[in-house]
Amino acid sequence: MSENASRGKHYTLRYLDLFLEDLSRIVDYISHELENPMAADNLVNAVEDAIQKRSSCAEAFEQYPSKRDRQYPYYRIYVKNYTVFYVVIGNVMEVRRILYSRRDLNEHI
């Protein structure tokens, strides 16, 4: 195994505005509707940690079996009750959505 392969590839992270809007709505809901700002903060930290960990091996996981024909396959990360969706474009891990896991995910991505 070459030295580069043993170290793994590191992907540059890019966040779509849609992901940031999703996360903001989730945080607002948990903070204000559920009146639990600590849980909202914990979720943001868990999401950030999960994305950072995945950024060194973004393509090493099963692709999401989307029903839509896509130029770039979706991958997912499970964080608590949420699913983070991303694609890999060259050396960029583009984070596109975060959705409540019990939703009909195919309807929203």
C-alpha atoms as a PDB file:
ATOM      1  CA  MET A   1       0.000   0.000   0.000  1.00  0.00           C
ATOM      2  CA  SER A   2       1.359   3.405  -0.911  1.00  0.00           C
ATOM      3  CA  GLU A   3       1.943   6.075   1.711  1.00  0.00           C
ATOM      4  CA  ASN A   4      -0.885   8.231   0.301  1.00  0.00           C
ATOM      5  CA  ALA A   5      -3.363   5.353   0.377  1.00  0.00           C
ATOM      6  CA  SER A   6      -2.521   4.522   3.977  1.00  0.00           C
ATOM      7  CA  ARG A   7      -3.097   8.119   5.072  1.00  0.00           C
ATOM      8  CA  GLY A   8      -6.386   8.358   3.241  1.00  0.00           C
ATOM      9  CA  LYS A   9      -7.719  11.132   1.114  1.00  0.00           C
ATOM     10  CA  HIS A  10      -8.974  14.296   2.745  1.00  0.00           C
ATOM     11  CA  TYR A  11     -11.904  15.986   1.078  1.00  0.00           C
ATOM     12  CA  THR A  12     -12.578  19.710   1.106  1.00  0.00           C
ATOM     13  CA  LEU A  13     -15.941  20.418   2.727  1.00  0.00           C
ATOM     14  CA  ARG A  14     -18.571  22.555   1.042  1.00  0.00           C
ATOM     15  CA  TYR A  15     -22.025  23.221   2.519  1.00  0.00           C
ATOM     16  CA  LEU A  16     -24.998  24.071   0.334  1.00  0.00           C
ATOM     17  CA  ASP A  17     -27.284  26.836   1.539  1.00  0.00           C
ATOM     18  CA  LEU A  18     -30.091  24.275   1.605  1.00  0.00           C
ATOM     19  CA  PHE A  19     -28.211  22.229   4.227  1.00  0.00           C
ATOM     20  CA  LEU A  20     -27.618  25.351   6.318  1.00  0.00           C
ATOM     21  CA  GLU A  21     -31.316  26.265   6.057  1.00  0.00           C
ATOM     22  CA  ASP A  22     -32.339  22.719   7.067  1.00  0.00           C
ATOM     23  CA  LEU A  23     -30.026  22.804  10.067  1.00  0.00           C
ATOM     24  CA  SER A  24     -31.214  26.261  11.093  1.00  0.00           C
ATOM     25  CA  ARG A  25     -34.862  25.140  11.005  1.00  0.00           C
ATOM     26  CA  ILE A  26     -34.036  22.064  13.084  1.00  0.00           C
ATOM     27  CA  VAL A  27     -32.105  24.112  15.651  1.00  0.00           C
ATOM     28  CA  ASP A  28     -34.910  26.694  15.873  1.00  0.00           C
ATOM     29  CA  TYR A  29     -37.496  23.953  16.373  1.00  0.00           C
ATOM     30  CA  ILE A  30     -35.520  22.199  19.108  1.00  0.00           C
ATOM     31  CA  SER A  31     -34.542  25.467  20.811  1.00  0.00           C
ATOM     32  CA  HIS A  32     -37.896  27.259  20.692  1.00  0.00           C
ATOM     33  CA  GLU A  33     -40.703  24.758  20.130  1.00  0.00           C
ATOM     34  CA  LEU A  34     -39.215  22.053  22.329  1.00  0.00           C
ATOM     35  CA  GLU A  35     -37.557  24.669  24.574  1.00  0.00           C
ATOM     36  CA  ASN A  36     -34.295  22.745  24.719  1.00  0.00           C
ATOM     37  CA  PRO A  37     -31.411  24.908  23.460  1.00  0.00           C
ATOM     38  CA  MET A  38     -28.842  22.557  25.004  1.00  0.00           C
ATOM     39  CA  ALA A  39     -30.143  19.653  22.888  1.00  0.00           C
ATOM     40  CA  ALA A  40     -30.008  21.877  19.796  1.00  0.00           C
ATOM     41  CA  ASP A  41     -26.388  22.806  20.551  1.00  0.00           C
ATOM     42  CA  ASN A  42     -25.510  19.144  21.166  1.00  0.00           C
ATOM     43  CA  LEU A  43     -27.043  18.202  17.812  1.00  0.00           C
ATOM     44  CA  VAL A  44     -25.030  20.855  15.952  1.00  0.00           C
ATOM     45  CA  ASN A  45     -21.829  19.596  17.594  1.00  0.00           C
ATOM     46  CA  ALA A  46     -22.672  15.969  16.753  1.00  0.00           C
ATOM     47  CA  VAL A  47     -23.416  16.888  13.122  1.00  0.00           C
ATOM     48  CA  GLU A  48     -20.159  18.836  12.806  1.00  0.00           C
ATOM     49  CA  ASP A  49     -18.168  15.963  14.339  1.00  0.00           C
ATOM     50  CA  ALA A  50     -19.784  13.354  12.089  1.00  0.00           C
ATOM     51  CA  ILE A  51     -19.137  15.383   8.942  1.00  0.00           C
ATOM     52  CA  GLN A  52     -15.514  16.053   9.921  1.00  0.00           C
ATOM     53  CA  LYS A  53     -14.900  12.354  10.607  1.00  0.00           C
ATOM     54  CA  ARG A  54     -16.444  11.357   7.289  1.00  0.00           C
ATOM     55  CA  SER A  55     -14.377  13.928   5.346  1.00  0.00           C
ATOM     56  CA  SER A  56     -11.349  11.620   5.366  1.00  0.00           C
ATOM     57  CA  CYS A  57     -13.229   8.677   3.839  1.00  0.00           C
ATOM     58  CA  ALA A  58     -16.271  10.148   2.124  1.00  0.00           C
ATOM     59  CA  GLU A  59     -16.541   7.486  -0.584  1.00  0.00           C
ATOM     60  CA  ALA A  60     -15.894   4.488   1.659  1.00  0.00           C
ATOM     61  CA  PHE A  61     -19.558   4.051   2.552  1.00  0.00           C
ATOM     62  CA  GLU A  62     -22.596   2.657   0.805  1.00  0.00           C
ATOM     63  CA  GLN A  63     -24.290   5.010  -1.614  1.00  0.00           C
ATOM     64  CA  TYR A  64     -27.858   6.060  -0.876  1.00  0.00           C
ATOM     65  CA  PRO A  65     -30.214   4.148  -3.200  1.00  0.00           C
ATOM     66  CA  SER A  66     -31.955   7.168  -4.683  1.00  0.00           C
ATOM     67  CA  LYS A  67     -34.890   6.656  -7.019  1.00  0.00           C
ATOM     68  CA  ARG A  68     -33.785   9.675  -9.056  1.00  0.00           C
ATOM     69  CA  ASP A  69     -31.085   9.592 -11.697  1.00  0.00           C
ATOM     70  CA  ARG A  70     -28.219  11.721 -10.351  1.00  0.00           C
ATOM     71  CA  GLN A  71     -24.930  12.908 -11.733  1.00  0.00           C
ATOM     72  CA  TYR A  72     -23.298  12.337  -8.329  1.00  0.00           C
ATOM     73  CA  PRO A  73     -24.473   9.582  -5.989  1.00  0.00           C
ATOM     74  CA  TYR A  74     -25.696  10.557  -2.545  1.00  0.00           C
ATOM     75  CA  TYR A  75     -24.129   9.243   0.630  1.00  0.00           C
ATOM     76  CA  ARG A  76     -25.610   9.552   4.095  1.00  0.00           C
ATOM     77  CA  ILE A  77     -24.510   9.976   7.675  1.00  0.00           C
ATOM     78  CA  TYR A  78     -26.820   9.150  10.558  1.00  0.00           C
ATOM     79  CA  VAL A  79     -26.660  11.602  13.464  1.00  0.00           C
ATOM     80  CA  LYS A  80     -29.134  11.037  16.280  1.00  0.00           C
ATOM     81  CA  ASN A  81     -32.621  11.238  14.665  1.00  0.00           C
ATOM     82  CA  TYR A  82     -31.331  12.943  11.518  1.00  0.00           C
ATOM     83  CA  THR A  83     -29.718  11.972   8.240  1.00  0.00           C
ATOM     84  CA  VAL A  84     -27.083  14.132   6.568  1.00  0.00           C
ATOM     85  CA  PHE A  85     -26.805  13.743   2.786  1.00  0.00           C
ATOM     86  CA  TYR A  86     -23.720  14.595   0.756  1.00  0.00           C
ATOM     87  CA  VAL A  87     -22.110  13.975  -2.621  1.00  0.00           C
ATOM     88  CA  VAL A  88     -18.487  13.744  -3.667  1.00  0.00           C
ATOM     89  CA  ILE A  89     -17.346  15.890  -6.587  1.00  0.00           C
ATOM     90  CA  GLY A  90     -13.650  15.367  -7.216  1.00  0.00           C
ATOM     91  CA  ASN A  91     -11.930  16.160  -3.929  1.00  0.00           C
ATOM     92  CA  VAL A  92     -14.959  18.036  -2.515  1.00  0.00           C
ATOM     93  CA  MET A  93     -17.446  16.553  -0.064  1.00  0.00           C
ATOM     94  CA  GLU A  94     -20.531  18.672  -0.704  1.00  0.00           C
ATOM     95  CA  VAL A  95     -23.015  18.505   2.184  1.00  0.00           C
ATOM     96  CA  ARG A  96     -26.477  19.042   0.716  1.00  0.00           C
ATOM     97  CA  ARG A  97     -29.256  18.233   3.203  1.00  0.00           C
ATOM     98  CA  ILE A  98     -30.055  17.240   6.773  1.00  0.00           C
ATOM     99  CA  LEU A  99     -33.488  15.728   7.330  1.00  0.00           C
ATOM    100  CA  TYR A 100     -35.396  14.098  10.135  1.00  0.00           C
ATOM    101  CA  SER A 101     -34.804  10.380   9.576  1.00  0.00           C
ATOM    102  CA  ARG A 102     -38.445   9.354   9.922  1.00  0.00           C
ATOM    103  CA  ARG A 103     -39.546  11.492   6.982  1.00  0.00           C
ATOM    104  CA  ASP A 104     -39.985  10.042   3.516  1.00  0.00           C
ATOM    105  CA  LEU A 105     -36.427  10.881   2.525  1.00  0.00           C
ATOM    106  CA  ASN A 106     -36.937  10.187  -1.202  1.00  0.00           C
ATOM    107  CA  GLU A 107     -39.546  12.928  -1.266  1.00  0.00           C
ATOM    108  CA  HIS A 108     -37.052  15.526  -0.073  1.00  0.00           C
ATOM    109  CA  ILE A 109     -33.785  14.783  -1.805  1.00  0.00           C
END
